[in-house]
Amino acid sequence: RSASPVQSDAFQPDALGNNDVLKIYVAPLSEPPSNINALPVEGTEDEFVQLSVTVDKSNPSGSLSTTVIGVPNDAILGTYDGSNFTSFIAKKDSDDGTYTLDDDDIDLSGPNDLAIQLAIDDSSDFDITLEVTEQETGAEPSEAITETFSVTVNPASDPADLDFNINVTGTGLAVNNDGPDPIVSGDHIKEDK
C-alpha cells in the first residue's frame, strides 16, 4: 500500500506561491533496557562470588542506572578481577543492603567483574534484585525493569580452636610441642578440681 499525503492547514502557500515550512521538534524519549541477563550464582562463605549480570540496552548511547537490592549487611558489593576487590561501599544507600550504580561505576552492558565479598562465617543463601533504568541525553530516565536471582553460599569448615586446662593430672600425660600446635595425649586424664 502506498501512503496518501496528509493535508494540513499548517502548510499554506503565501501570496507568491511559496510554501511555509512547519518545523516539528521530537523530544527524546528514554526506552527501558531490553533485558537484564542474570543467572543464579554460587560461592563459598568468607570468599568472593562473581555475579553473572549484564544488561541489554535499548539504545547503545543510553546510560544505565542500576539499583542492587538484597546484599547482606556484612557482605560488600564491588568488583573482583580474580585477585583484587574494589568496594562499592560508598554507593551503599542504606543499611538494608541497597546500592545504586551508574555507568561511571561499572558498565553492565558488557562483560564485567561485578561481585560480592561474602560475609565471614555466614553461609546463609540470599536473593539479589536488580532494578535498571536507561536514560537518553536530554530525556528523563525510563521506567525500571526488574530481575531477581539467587546466591547460594556454601559453608566452609573453619579450623578448630581448642583451649586446654593445664591443671590436669593423669597417667602417661604427654605434650608434644614439635609442631605448630601442641598435642596433648595420655590415658586417664582427669581435671584437677
Protein backbone atom coordinates (compact mmCIF):
# COMPACT_ATOMS: atom_id res chain seq x y z
CA ARG A 1 0.00 0.00 0.00
CA SER A 2 1.20 3.48 -0.68
CA ALA A 3 0.78 6.25 1.82
CA SER A 4 -1.56 9.10 0.98
CA PRO A 5 -0.33 12.66 1.52
CA VAL A 6 -1.73 14.34 4.62
CA GLN A 7 -3.49 17.64 4.03
CA SER A 8 -2.76 20.18 6.77
CA ASP A 9 -3.70 23.81 7.31
CA ALA A 10 -0.17 24.26 8.67
CA PHE A 11 1.22 24.28 5.12
CA GLN A 12 -0.37 27.24 3.31
CA PRO A 13 1.23 28.88 0.30
CA ASP A 14 1.90 32.59 0.69
CA ALA A 15 0.87 35.26 -1.85
CA LEU A 16 3.85 34.44 -4.05
CA GLY A 17 3.03 30.74 -4.10
CA ASN A 18 5.88 29.74 -1.72
CA ASN A 19 5.15 27.12 0.89
CA ASP A 20 5.72 27.87 4.57
CA VAL A 21 7.83 25.34 6.46
CA LEU A 22 6.50 23.67 9.59
CA LYS A 23 9.25 22.55 11.94
CA ILE A 24 8.46 19.63 14.22
CA TYR A 25 10.59 19.02 17.30
CA VAL A 26 10.62 15.42 18.53
CA ALA A 27 11.58 15.26 22.19
CA PRO A 28 13.90 12.39 23.13
CA LEU A 29 12.28 9.53 24.99
CA SER A 30 14.16 7.02 27.12
CA GLU A 31 13.13 3.44 26.44
CA PRO A 32 13.66 0.86 29.21
CA PRO A 33 16.54 -1.58 28.78
CA SER A 34 15.64 -4.57 26.61
CA ASN A 35 16.63 -7.20 29.15
CA ILE A 36 18.52 -7.99 32.34
CA ASN A 37 20.57 -11.18 32.00
CA ALA A 38 21.16 -12.56 35.49
CA LEU A 39 21.86 -16.19 36.35
CA PRO A 40 21.85 -17.86 39.78
CA VAL A 41 25.37 -17.99 41.23
CA GLU A 42 27.18 -19.96 43.91
CA GLY A 43 30.09 -19.16 46.22
CA THR A 44 31.75 -20.13 49.48
CA GLU A 45 31.47 -18.22 52.75
CA ASP A 46 34.40 -15.91 53.60
CA GLU A 47 35.24 -15.60 49.87
CA PHE A 48 34.10 -13.68 46.77
CA VAL A 49 31.25 -14.66 44.47
CA GLN A 50 31.28 -13.40 40.90
CA LEU A 51 27.83 -12.21 39.77
CA SER A 52 26.65 -13.13 36.28
CA VAL A 53 24.86 -9.92 35.29
CA THR A 54 24.63 -7.99 32.01
CA VAL A 55 22.01 -5.56 30.74
CA ASP A 56 20.85 -5.21 27.11
CA LYS A 57 20.39 -1.52 26.34
CA SER A 58 17.57 -0.30 24.10
CA ASN A 59 19.92 2.30 22.63
CA PRO A 60 23.71 1.91 22.58
CA SER A 61 24.08 5.56 23.63
CA GLY A 62 21.75 5.19 26.61
CA SER A 63 23.09 5.41 30.16
CA LEU A 64 22.16 2.79 32.76
CA SER A 65 21.32 3.32 36.42
CA THR A 66 21.18 0.11 38.45
CA THR A 67 19.83 -0.40 41.96
CA VAL A 68 21.11 -3.60 43.60
CA ILE A 69 18.88 -4.76 46.45
CA GLY A 70 19.45 -7.54 48.98
CA VAL A 71 23.20 -7.61 49.67
CA PRO A 72 23.55 -8.93 53.25
CA ASN A 73 24.69 -6.33 55.79
CA ASP A 74 28.07 -7.98 56.47
CA ALA A 75 28.72 -8.59 52.75
CA ILE A 76 30.02 -5.92 50.34
CA LEU A 77 29.20 -5.26 46.67
CA GLY A 78 32.10 -4.38 44.39
CA THR A 79 34.22 -5.68 41.54
CA TYR A 80 36.61 -8.62 41.70
CA ASP A 81 39.08 -9.45 38.93
CA GLY A 82 40.33 -12.68 40.49
CA SER A 83 42.92 -11.03 42.69
CA ASN A 84 41.77 -7.51 43.60
CA PHE A 85 38.44 -6.46 45.13
CA THR A 86 37.21 -2.87 44.75
CA SER A 87 34.37 -1.98 47.10
CA PHE A 88 31.23 -0.03 46.17
CA ILE A 89 30.58 0.72 49.87
CA ALA A 90 30.40 4.46 49.03
CA LYS A 91 27.47 3.63 46.73
CA LYS A 92 25.51 1.92 49.51
CA ASP A 93 22.24 3.78 50.05
CA SER A 94 21.26 2.42 53.43
CA ASP A 95 21.73 -0.31 55.99
CA ASP A 96 19.39 -2.65 54.13
CA GLY A 97 21.96 -3.75 51.54
CA THR A 98 20.89 -1.44 48.68
CA TYR A 99 23.44 0.05 46.28
CA THR A 100 22.92 2.44 43.35
CA LEU A 101 25.40 2.23 40.47
CA ASP A 102 25.75 4.06 37.16
CA ASP A 103 27.90 3.61 34.05
CA ASP A 104 30.78 5.50 35.70
CA ASP A 105 30.92 2.81 38.39
CA ILE A 106 30.59 -0.24 36.15
CA ASP A 107 29.48 -0.90 32.57
CA LEU A 108 26.86 -3.64 32.84
CA SER A 109 26.13 -3.60 29.10
CA GLY A 110 29.04 -5.99 28.50
CA PRO A 111 31.29 -8.45 30.35
CA ASN A 112 32.13 -7.14 33.82
CA ASP A 113 33.58 -8.06 37.24
CA LEU A 114 30.56 -7.34 39.47
CA ALA A 115 30.98 -9.40 42.66
CA ILE A 116 30.09 -9.70 46.31
CA GLN A 117 32.59 -10.19 49.13
CA LEU A 118 30.66 -12.68 51.25
CA ALA A 119 30.31 -12.27 55.00
CA ILE A 120 32.68 -14.05 57.37
CA ASP A 121 31.25 -17.24 58.90
CA ASP A 122 27.85 -16.81 57.22
CA SER A 123 26.61 -19.48 54.82
CA SER A 124 23.05 -18.11 54.50
CA ASP A 125 21.69 -18.07 50.95
CA PHE A 126 20.12 -14.83 49.71
CA ASP A 127 18.42 -13.24 46.70
CA ILE A 128 19.57 -10.16 44.78
CA THR A 129 17.07 -7.94 42.96
CA LEU A 130 18.19 -5.59 40.19
CA GLU A 131 16.19 -2.54 39.11
CA VAL A 132 17.61 -0.91 35.97
CA THR A 133 16.63 2.27 34.11
CA GLU A 134 18.04 3.67 30.88
CA GLN A 135 18.35 7.37 30.04
CA GLU A 136 18.83 9.15 26.72
CA THR A 137 20.61 12.50 26.59
CA GLY A 138 18.13 15.29 27.23
CA ALA A 139 15.38 12.92 28.39
CA GLU A 140 14.01 11.66 31.68
CA PRO A 141 15.06 8.14 32.80
CA SER A 142 12.92 5.27 31.59
CA GLU A 143 10.71 3.08 33.70
CA ALA A 144 12.72 0.44 35.58
CA ILE A 145 12.84 -3.22 34.64
CA THR A 146 13.47 -5.77 37.38
CA GLU A 147 15.15 -9.15 37.75
CA THR A 148 15.82 -11.32 40.81
CA PHE A 149 18.36 -14.12 41.08
CA SER A 150 19.62 -16.36 43.87
CA VAL A 151 23.05 -16.54 45.52
CA THR A 152 23.88 -19.90 47.10
CA VAL A 153 26.57 -19.74 49.79
CA ASN A 154 28.38 -22.97 50.61
CA PRO A 155 29.70 -23.37 54.15
CA ALA A 156 33.43 -23.52 54.82
CA SER A 157 34.99 -25.60 57.60
CA ASP A 158 36.94 -23.44 60.00
CA PRO A 159 39.89 -24.90 61.94
CA ALA A 160 39.06 -25.97 65.47
CA ASP A 161 40.08 -23.64 68.27
CA LEU A 162 41.00 -25.71 71.32
CA ASP A 163 41.80 -24.42 74.78
CA PHE A 164 43.49 -26.76 77.27
CA ASN A 165 43.28 -26.53 81.04
CA ILE A 166 46.83 -27.13 82.18
CA ASN A 167 45.73 -28.06 85.73
CA VAL A 168 45.17 -31.74 84.91
CA THR A 169 46.71 -34.92 86.21
CA GLY A 170 46.84 -38.34 84.68
CA THR A 171 48.85 -41.39 83.93
CA GLY A 172 51.14 -41.14 80.92
CA LEU A 173 50.35 -37.50 80.18
CA ALA A 174 52.48 -36.19 77.29
CA VAL A 175 52.70 -32.86 75.46
CA ASN A 176 54.30 -32.76 72.00
CA ASN A 177 55.46 -29.25 71.13
CA ASP A 178 57.40 -30.18 67.99
CA GLY A 179 54.75 -28.88 65.55
CA PRO A 180 52.97 -25.55 65.21
CA ASP A 181 50.19 -26.71 67.55
CA PRO A 182 50.85 -28.65 70.79
CA ILE A 183 49.36 -32.11 71.01
CA VAL A 184 48.22 -33.38 74.41
CA SER A 185 47.74 -37.10 74.82
CA GLY A 186 47.55 -39.60 77.65
CA ASP A 187 45.44 -42.19 79.45
CA HIS A 188 43.04 -41.49 82.27
CA ILE A 189 43.29 -37.71 82.03
CA LYS A 190 41.09 -36.05 84.57
CA GLU A 191 40.57 -32.50 85.65
CA ASP A 192 42.21 -31.44 88.89
CA LYS A 193 39.30 -29.89 90.80
